[in-house]
Amino acid sequence: MEALQRHGVNIGLLFLRVTVSLSMILAHGLPKLQNFSTIAPKFPDPVGFLGGSVSLGLAIFGEVVCPAMIILGIKTRFAAIPAAMTMVVAAFLVHGADPYKAKELAFMYLFVFIALIFTGGGKLSVRD
């Protein structure tokens, strides 16, 4: 029973890593990457000194590169930090004045990435 429970936890972490990170990449990161040149000039610079292109590049890193690492289970805890920080910026700076409904998805991603910072990717990872 204990062995089955351990396997269940690892399968659960794999499912969480893959589904949430794939959703992040497909719905948010990939569109930014594919339309970089048209988005960059008007992309917000929430910290005020990086510029739109650098901010967009950092968002793409947090929404494509890091989630891809998380899917594979490559340094999951490390990769979840920039992904979580991207969601902190989205929730509190970009959508800071918006109603909760506009921030809800950023919070959901943030909570999953924070959980992965604490748990790691589990045993079904390439290299956690």
C-alpha atoms as a PDB file:
ATOM      1  CA  MET A   1       0.000   0.000   0.000  1.00  0.00           C
ATOM      2  CA  GLU A   2       2.813   2.399   0.855  1.00  0.00           C
ATOM      3  CA  ALA A   3       4.565   1.715  -2.473  1.00  0.00           C
ATOM      4  CA  LEU A   4       1.312   2.371  -4.327  1.00  0.00           C
ATOM      5  CA  GLN A   5       0.894   5.648  -2.469  1.00  0.00           C
ATOM      6  CA  ARG A   6       4.434   6.750  -3.384  1.00  0.00           C
ATOM      7  CA  HIS A   7       3.806   5.934  -7.040  1.00  0.00           C
ATOM      8  CA  GLY A   8       0.513   7.829  -6.873  1.00  0.00           C
ATOM      9  CA  VAL A   9       2.271  10.948  -5.602  1.00  0.00           C
ATOM     10  CA  ASN A  10       4.835  10.778  -8.396  1.00  0.00           C
ATOM     11  CA  ILE A  11       2.162  10.212 -11.040  1.00  0.00           C
ATOM     12  CA  GLY A  12       0.193  13.125  -9.572  1.00  0.00           C
ATOM     13  CA  LEU A  13       3.224  15.416  -9.742  1.00  0.00           C
ATOM     14  CA  LEU A  14       3.884  14.341 -13.334  1.00  0.00           C
ATOM     15  CA  PHE A  15       0.257  15.049 -14.268  1.00  0.00           C
ATOM     16  CA  LEU A  16       0.366  18.452 -12.522  1.00  0.00           C
ATOM     17  CA  ARG A  17       3.689  19.412 -14.133  1.00  0.00           C
ATOM     18  CA  VAL A  18       2.667  18.435 -17.649  1.00  0.00           C
ATOM     19  CA  THR A  19      -0.900  19.758 -17.756  1.00  0.00           C
ATOM     20  CA  VAL A  20      -0.310  23.124 -16.112  1.00  0.00           C
ATOM     21  CA  SER A  21       2.987  23.834 -17.879  1.00  0.00           C
ATOM     22  CA  LEU A  22       1.655  22.771 -21.276  1.00  0.00           C
ATOM     23  CA  SER A  23      -1.340  25.037 -20.762  1.00  0.00           C
ATOM     24  CA  MET A  24       0.987  27.920 -19.855  1.00  0.00           C
ATOM     25  CA  ILE A  25       3.114  27.372 -22.950  1.00  0.00           C
ATOM     26  CA  LEU A  26       0.258  26.937 -25.429  1.00  0.00           C
ATOM     27  CA  ALA A  27      -2.118  29.609 -24.159  1.00  0.00           C
ATOM     28  CA  HIS A  28       0.299  32.310 -23.032  1.00  0.00           C
ATOM     29  CA  GLY A  29       3.964  31.800 -23.892  1.00  0.00           C
ATOM     30  CA  LEU A  30       3.817  30.538 -27.467  1.00  0.00           C
ATOM     31  CA  PRO A  31       1.567  33.362 -28.729  1.00  0.00           C
ATOM     32  CA  LYS A  32       3.999  35.870 -27.217  1.00  0.00           C
ATOM     33  CA  LEU A  33       6.975  34.110 -28.790  1.00  0.00           C
ATOM     34  CA  GLN A  34       5.340  33.836 -32.223  1.00  0.00           C
ATOM     35  CA  ASN A  35       4.301  37.504 -32.243  1.00  0.00           C
ATOM     36  CA  PHE A  36       7.328  38.975 -30.484  1.00  0.00           C
ATOM     37  CA  SER A  37       8.001  41.752 -32.998  1.00  0.00           C
ATOM     38  CA  THR A  38       4.408  43.009 -33.002  1.00  0.00           C
ATOM     39  CA  ILE A  39       3.880  42.683 -29.237  1.00  0.00           C
ATOM     40  CA  ALA A  40       7.247  44.079 -28.026  1.00  0.00           C
ATOM     41  CA  PRO A  41       6.660  47.782 -28.816  1.00  0.00           C
ATOM     42  CA  LYS A  42       3.451  47.880 -26.761  1.00  0.00           C
ATOM     43  CA  PHE A  43       4.314  45.262 -24.129  1.00  0.00           C
ATOM     44  CA  PRO A  44       4.105  46.722 -20.606  1.00  0.00           C
ATOM     45  CA  ASP A  45       7.240  47.356 -18.587  1.00  0.00           C
ATOM     46  CA  PRO A  46       5.833  46.814 -15.092  1.00  0.00           C
ATOM     47  CA  VAL A  47       9.102  47.490 -13.259  1.00  0.00           C
ATOM     48  CA  GLY A  48       9.650  50.697 -15.211  1.00  0.00           C
ATOM     49  CA  PHE A  49      13.236  50.413 -16.439  1.00  0.00           C
ATOM     50  CA  LEU A  50      13.610  47.290 -18.596  1.00  0.00           C
ATOM     51  CA  GLY A  51      11.644  48.286 -21.665  1.00  0.00           C
ATOM     52  CA  GLY A  52       8.958  46.334 -23.487  1.00  0.00           C
ATOM     53  CA  SER A  53      11.282  44.010 -25.409  1.00  0.00           C
ATOM     54  CA  VAL A  54      13.225  42.898 -22.325  1.00  0.00           C
ATOM     55  CA  SER A  55      10.026  42.514 -20.286  1.00  0.00           C
ATOM     56  CA  LEU A  56       8.485  40.445 -23.081  1.00  0.00           C
ATOM     57  CA  GLY A  57      11.636  38.323 -23.291  1.00  0.00           C
ATOM     58  CA  LEU A  58      11.490  37.657 -19.555  1.00  0.00           C
ATOM     59  CA  ALA A  59       7.798  36.806 -19.792  1.00  0.00           C
ATOM     60  CA  ILE A  60       8.540  34.344 -22.610  1.00  0.00           C
ATOM     61  CA  PHE A  61      11.320  32.795 -20.522  1.00  0.00           C
ATOM     62  CA  GLY A  62       8.883  32.360 -17.612  1.00  0.00           C
ATOM     63  CA  GLU A  63       6.047  31.117 -19.832  1.00  0.00           C
ATOM     64  CA  VAL A  64       7.888  28.889 -22.348  1.00  0.00           C
ATOM     65  CA  VAL A  65      11.420  27.923 -21.306  1.00  0.00           C
ATOM     66  CA  CYS A  66      10.751  27.315 -17.617  1.00  0.00           C
ATOM     67  CA  PRO A  67       7.478  25.424 -18.148  1.00  0.00           C
ATOM     68  CA  ALA A  68       9.235  23.236 -20.765  1.00  0.00           C
ATOM     69  CA  MET A  69      11.864  22.405 -18.144  1.00  0.00           C
ATOM     70  CA  ILE A  70       9.091  21.685 -15.640  1.00  0.00           C
ATOM     71  CA  ILE A  71       7.320  19.335 -18.077  1.00  0.00           C
ATOM     72  CA  LEU A  72      10.518  17.340 -18.520  1.00  0.00           C
ATOM     73  CA  GLY A  73      11.360  17.518 -14.840  1.00  0.00           C
ATOM     74  CA  ILE A  74      14.675  19.268 -15.405  1.00  0.00           C
ATOM     75  CA  LYS A  75      15.552  21.260 -12.267  1.00  0.00           C
ATOM     76  CA  THR A  76      11.843  21.621 -11.521  1.00  0.00           C
ATOM     77  CA  ARG A  77      12.250  23.636  -8.331  1.00  0.00           C
ATOM     78  CA  PHE A  78      14.660  26.042 -10.013  1.00  0.00           C
ATOM     79  CA  ALA A  79      12.520  26.366 -13.165  1.00  0.00           C
ATOM     80  CA  ALA A  80       9.372  27.019 -11.128  1.00  0.00           C
ATOM     81  CA  ILE A  81      10.883  30.160  -9.551  1.00  0.00           C
ATOM     82  CA  PRO A  82      10.970  32.349 -12.704  1.00  0.00           C
ATOM     83  CA  ALA A  83       7.612  30.903 -13.787  1.00  0.00           C
ATOM     84  CA  ALA A  84       6.135  31.900 -10.417  1.00  0.00           C
ATOM     85  CA  MET A  85       7.757  35.338 -10.559  1.00  0.00           C
ATOM     86  CA  THR A  86       6.228  35.905 -13.989  1.00  0.00           C
ATOM     87  CA  MET A  87       2.820  35.182 -12.475  1.00  0.00           C
ATOM     88  CA  VAL A  88       3.503  37.522  -9.529  1.00  0.00           C
ATOM     89  CA  VAL A  89       4.216  40.308 -12.034  1.00  0.00           C
ATOM     90  CA  ALA A  90       1.103  39.422 -14.041  1.00  0.00           C
ATOM     91  CA  ALA A  91      -1.197  39.296 -11.004  1.00  0.00           C
ATOM     92  CA  PHE A  92       0.101  42.203  -8.957  1.00  0.00           C
ATOM     93  CA  LEU A  93       1.625  44.623 -11.450  1.00  0.00           C
ATOM     94  CA  VAL A  94       0.094  44.082 -14.876  1.00  0.00           C
ATOM     95  CA  HIS A  95      -3.406  43.300 -13.553  1.00  0.00           C
ATOM     96  CA  GLY A  96      -2.972  45.032 -10.188  1.00  0.00           C
ATOM     97  CA  ALA A  97      -5.859  47.455 -10.650  1.00  0.00           C
ATOM     98  CA  ASP A  98      -8.102  44.910 -12.367  1.00  0.00           C
ATOM     99  CA  PRO A  99     -10.857  42.966 -10.609  1.00  0.00           C
ATOM    100  CA  TYR A 100      -9.989  39.555  -9.151  1.00  0.00           C
ATOM    101  CA  LYS A 101     -11.527  37.747 -12.131  1.00  0.00           C
ATOM    102  CA  ALA A 102      -8.784  39.198 -14.370  1.00  0.00           C
ATOM    103  CA  LYS A 103      -6.079  37.989 -11.941  1.00  0.00           C
ATOM    104  CA  GLU A 104      -7.532  34.589 -11.155  1.00  0.00           C
ATOM    105  CA  LEU A 105      -5.655  32.585 -13.806  1.00  0.00           C
ATOM    106  CA  ALA A 106      -2.321  34.190 -12.899  1.00  0.00           C
ATOM    107  CA  PHE A 107      -2.947  33.239  -9.259  1.00  0.00           C
ATOM    108  CA  MET A 108      -3.814  29.659 -10.203  1.00  0.00           C
ATOM    109  CA  TYR A 109      -0.582  29.270 -12.166  1.00  0.00           C
ATOM    110  CA  LEU A 110       1.317  30.978  -9.345  1.00  0.00           C
ATOM    111  CA  PHE A 111      -0.031  28.559  -6.728  1.00  0.00           C
ATOM    112  CA  VAL A 112       0.910  25.517  -8.819  1.00  0.00           C
ATOM    113  CA  PHE A 113       4.423  26.828  -9.443  1.00  0.00           C
ATOM    114  CA  ILE A 114       4.853  27.576  -5.728  1.00  0.00           C
ATOM    115  CA  ALA A 115       3.722  24.037  -4.915  1.00  0.00           C
ATOM    116  CA  LEU A 116       6.328  22.681  -7.358  1.00  0.00           C
ATOM    117  CA  ILE A 117       9.017  24.818  -5.719  1.00  0.00           C
ATOM    118  CA  PHE A 118       8.287  22.982  -2.472  1.00  0.00           C
ATOM    119  CA  THR A 119       7.669  19.482  -3.856  1.00  0.00           C
ATOM    120  CA  GLY A 120       9.980  19.277  -6.839  1.00  0.00           C
ATOM    121  CA  GLY A 121       9.002  17.230  -9.865  1.00  0.00           C
ATOM    122  CA  GLY A 122       8.924  13.812  -8.226  1.00  0.00           C
ATOM    123  CA  LYS A 123      10.650  10.624  -9.295  1.00  0.00           C
ATOM    124  CA  LEU A 124       9.184  10.724 -12.825  1.00  0.00           C
ATOM    125  CA  SER A 125      11.529  13.537 -13.824  1.00  0.00           C
ATOM    126  CA  VAL A 126      14.529  13.652 -16.117  1.00  0.00           C
ATOM    127  CA  ARG A 127      16.623  15.356 -13.464  1.00  0.00           C
ATOM    128  CA  ASP A 128      14.983  17.071 -10.548  1.00  0.00           C
END
